[in-house]
Amino acid sequence: MERHRTALASELERLRGTAEWSVEPVGTVPDVGAAEYLEARLATTVRPGLRERLAAASEEAAGDAYLVATARQDEFAAALAVLEGEGYELRVTGPWPPYSFARLP
């Protein structure tokens, strides 16, 4: 631990003020993974820029997990609400500790 103290402290600082959110489509999906399906649906949505707004509210995406700054969680939730309002069924869980985004030295 002592040997990696600086790297661990840096990683904790990078993740400070963030939370992980999981977004999964519900119902019948094509023969692709949930993340690919969600990306495809977001890419073809009727509302221009919705995918960008959802991604913009998060720092990065890993599959169907989004790292969202605590200060932007309302914006992220609003983008999800727009998708749900357009008929997309999503299973959303979070906020979680950012497990998927933590990197060990």
C-alpha atoms as a PDB file:
ATOM      1  CA  MET A   1       0.000   0.000   0.000  1.00  0.00           C
ATOM      2  CA  GLU A   2       2.744   2.434   0.926  1.00  0.00           C
ATOM      3  CA  ARG A   3       4.453   1.873  -2.419  1.00  0.00           C
ATOM      4  CA  HIS A   4       1.255   2.823  -4.281  1.00  0.00           C
ATOM      5  CA  ARG A   5       0.130   5.543  -1.908  1.00  0.00           C
ATOM      6  CA  THR A   6       0.432   8.396  -4.424  1.00  0.00           C
ATOM      7  CA  ALA A   7      -1.313   6.489  -7.223  1.00  0.00           C
ATOM      8  CA  LEU A   8      -4.135   5.377  -4.922  1.00  0.00           C
ATOM      9  CA  ALA A   9      -4.628   8.906  -3.593  1.00  0.00           C
ATOM     10  CA  SER A  10      -4.706  10.223  -7.151  1.00  0.00           C
ATOM     11  CA  GLU A  11      -7.306   7.632  -8.150  1.00  0.00           C
ATOM     12  CA  LEU A  12      -9.500   8.461  -5.173  1.00  0.00           C
ATOM     13  CA  GLU A  13      -9.259  12.137  -6.053  1.00  0.00           C
ATOM     14  CA  ARG A  14     -10.228  11.417  -9.675  1.00  0.00           C
ATOM     15  CA  LEU A  15     -13.372   9.627  -8.497  1.00  0.00           C
ATOM     16  CA  ARG A  16     -14.277  12.136  -5.783  1.00  0.00           C
ATOM     17  CA  GLY A  17     -17.738  13.593  -6.314  1.00  0.00           C
ATOM     18  CA  THR A  18     -18.843  10.934  -8.793  1.00  0.00           C
ATOM     19  CA  ALA A  19     -21.207   7.994  -8.785  1.00  0.00           C
ATOM     20  CA  GLU A  20     -21.778   5.034 -11.055  1.00  0.00           C
ATOM     21  CA  TRP A  21     -25.174   4.560 -12.688  1.00  0.00           C
ATOM     22  CA  SER A  22     -26.260   1.410 -14.503  1.00  0.00           C
ATOM     23  CA  VAL A  23     -28.616   1.750 -17.476  1.00  0.00           C
ATOM     24  CA  GLU A  24     -30.057  -1.362 -19.113  1.00  0.00           C
ATOM     25  CA  PRO A  25     -32.805  -1.722 -21.706  1.00  0.00           C
ATOM     26  CA  VAL A  26     -35.802  -3.778 -20.582  1.00  0.00           C
ATOM     27  CA  GLY A  27     -37.773  -6.150 -22.796  1.00  0.00           C
ATOM     28  CA  THR A  28     -36.900  -7.862 -26.033  1.00  0.00           C
ATOM     29  CA  VAL A  29     -33.609  -6.797 -27.513  1.00  0.00           C
ATOM     30  CA  PRO A  30     -31.829  -7.885 -30.698  1.00  0.00           C
ATOM     31  CA  ASP A  31     -28.933 -10.377 -30.583  1.00  0.00           C
ATOM     32  CA  VAL A  32     -26.459  -7.794 -29.327  1.00  0.00           C
ATOM     33  CA  GLY A  33     -25.363  -6.895 -25.847  1.00  0.00           C
ATOM     34  CA  ALA A  34     -27.424  -4.527 -23.749  1.00  0.00           C
ATOM     35  CA  ALA A  35     -24.848  -1.758 -24.085  1.00  0.00           C
ATOM     36  CA  GLU A  36     -24.746  -2.044 -27.877  1.00  0.00           C
ATOM     37  CA  TYR A  37     -28.550  -2.069 -28.001  1.00  0.00           C
ATOM     38  CA  LEU A  38     -28.782   1.027 -25.829  1.00  0.00           C
ATOM     39  CA  GLU A  39     -26.109   2.784 -27.893  1.00  0.00           C
ATOM     40  CA  ALA A  40     -27.972   1.909 -31.112  1.00  0.00           C
ATOM     41  CA  ARG A  41     -31.264   3.178 -29.697  1.00  0.00           C
ATOM     42  CA  LEU A  42     -29.630   6.362 -28.466  1.00  0.00           C
ATOM     43  CA  ALA A  43     -27.931   6.880 -31.824  1.00  0.00           C
ATOM     44  CA  THR A  44     -31.216   6.627 -33.734  1.00  0.00           C
ATOM     45  CA  THR A  45     -33.451   8.572 -31.366  1.00  0.00           C
ATOM     46  CA  VAL A  46     -35.836  11.092 -32.873  1.00  0.00           C
ATOM     47  CA  ARG A  47     -34.509  13.850 -30.639  1.00  0.00           C
ATOM     48  CA  PRO A  48     -31.277  15.214 -32.072  1.00  0.00           C
ATOM     49  CA  GLY A  49     -28.469  15.450 -29.577  1.00  0.00           C
ATOM     50  CA  LEU A  50     -30.087  13.265 -26.908  1.00  0.00           C
ATOM     51  CA  ARG A  51     -27.277  10.717 -26.996  1.00  0.00           C
ATOM     52  CA  GLU A  52     -24.751  13.513 -26.704  1.00  0.00           C
ATOM     53  CA  ARG A  53     -26.658  15.059 -23.790  1.00  0.00           C
ATOM     54  CA  LEU A  54     -26.765  11.726 -21.962  1.00  0.00           C
ATOM     55  CA  ALA A  55     -23.062  11.140 -22.586  1.00  0.00           C
ATOM     56  CA  ALA A  56     -22.266  14.764 -21.743  1.00  0.00           C
ATOM     57  CA  ALA A  57     -23.785  14.298 -18.299  1.00  0.00           C
ATOM     58  CA  SER A  58     -21.299  11.514 -17.607  1.00  0.00           C
ATOM     59  CA  GLU A  59     -17.525  11.507 -17.629  1.00  0.00           C
ATOM     60  CA  GLU A  60     -17.120   8.227 -19.473  1.00  0.00           C
ATOM     61  CA  ALA A  61     -19.079   5.126 -20.293  1.00  0.00           C
ATOM     62  CA  ALA A  62     -18.172   1.474 -19.821  1.00  0.00           C
ATOM     63  CA  GLY A  63     -20.794  -0.754 -21.361  1.00  0.00           C
ATOM     64  CA  ASP A  64     -23.955   0.240 -19.629  1.00  0.00           C
ATOM     65  CA  ALA A  65     -22.303   1.920 -16.651  1.00  0.00           C
ATOM     66  CA  TYR A  66     -21.956   5.692 -16.559  1.00  0.00           C
ATOM     67  CA  LEU A  67     -19.659   7.702 -14.313  1.00  0.00           C
ATOM     68  CA  VAL A  68     -21.652  10.789 -13.416  1.00  0.00           C
ATOM     69  CA  ALA A  69     -20.478  13.791 -11.437  1.00  0.00           C
ATOM     70  CA  THR A  70     -22.687  14.285  -8.401  1.00  0.00           C
ATOM     71  CA  ALA A  71     -23.331  17.864  -9.517  1.00  0.00           C
ATOM     72  CA  ARG A  72     -24.717  16.577 -12.850  1.00  0.00           C
ATOM     73  CA  GLN A  73     -26.916  13.712 -11.615  1.00  0.00           C
ATOM     74  CA  ASP A  74     -30.103  15.731 -12.163  1.00  0.00           C
ATOM     75  CA  GLU A  75     -29.048  16.405 -15.762  1.00  0.00           C
ATOM     76  CA  PHE A  76     -28.300  12.714 -16.297  1.00  0.00           C
ATOM     77  CA  ALA A  77     -31.669  11.716 -14.786  1.00  0.00           C
ATOM     78  CA  ALA A  78     -33.447  14.257 -17.008  1.00  0.00           C
ATOM     79  CA  ALA A  79     -31.830  12.762 -20.129  1.00  0.00           C
ATOM     80  CA  LEU A  80     -32.978   9.298 -19.020  1.00  0.00           C
ATOM     81  CA  ALA A  81     -36.487  10.643 -18.380  1.00  0.00           C
ATOM     82  CA  VAL A  82     -36.605  11.953 -21.954  1.00  0.00           C
ATOM     83  CA  LEU A  83     -35.730   8.475 -23.251  1.00  0.00           C
ATOM     84  CA  GLU A  84     -38.387   6.894 -21.041  1.00  0.00           C
ATOM     85  CA  GLY A  85     -40.905   9.517 -22.179  1.00  0.00           C
ATOM     86  CA  GLU A  86     -40.228   8.460 -25.760  1.00  0.00           C
ATOM     87  CA  GLY A  87     -41.144   4.875 -24.905  1.00  0.00           C
ATOM     88  CA  TYR A  88     -37.768   3.384 -24.072  1.00  0.00           C
ATOM     89  CA  GLU A  89     -37.970   0.989 -21.147  1.00  0.00           C
ATOM     90  CA  LEU A  90     -34.858   1.264 -19.033  1.00  0.00           C
ATOM     91  CA  ARG A  91     -33.751  -0.312 -15.784  1.00  0.00           C
ATOM     92  CA  VAL A  92     -31.714   2.341 -14.028  1.00  0.00           C
ATOM     93  CA  THR A  93     -29.873   1.728 -10.778  1.00  0.00           C
ATOM     94  CA  GLY A  94     -27.643   4.019  -8.834  1.00  0.00           C
ATOM     95  CA  PRO A  95     -26.033   5.976  -7.547  1.00  0.00           C
ATOM     96  CA  TRP A  96     -23.376   3.413  -6.705  1.00  0.00           C
ATOM     97  CA  PRO A  97     -19.756   3.790  -5.713  1.00  0.00           C
ATOM     98  CA  PRO A  98     -17.798   3.997  -8.996  1.00  0.00           C
ATOM     99  CA  TYR A  99     -16.624   0.357  -8.946  1.00  0.00           C
ATOM    100  CA  SER A 100     -16.433  -0.035 -12.733  1.00  0.00           C
ATOM    101  CA  PHE A 101     -14.259   3.034 -13.091  1.00  0.00           C
ATOM    102  CA  ALA A 102     -11.686   2.443 -10.348  1.00  0.00           C
ATOM    103  CA  ARG A 103      -8.199   1.563 -11.573  1.00  0.00           C
ATOM    104  CA  LEU A 104      -5.587  -0.010  -9.380  1.00  0.00           C
ATOM    105  CA  PRO A 105      -1.918   0.809  -9.894  1.00  0.00           C
END
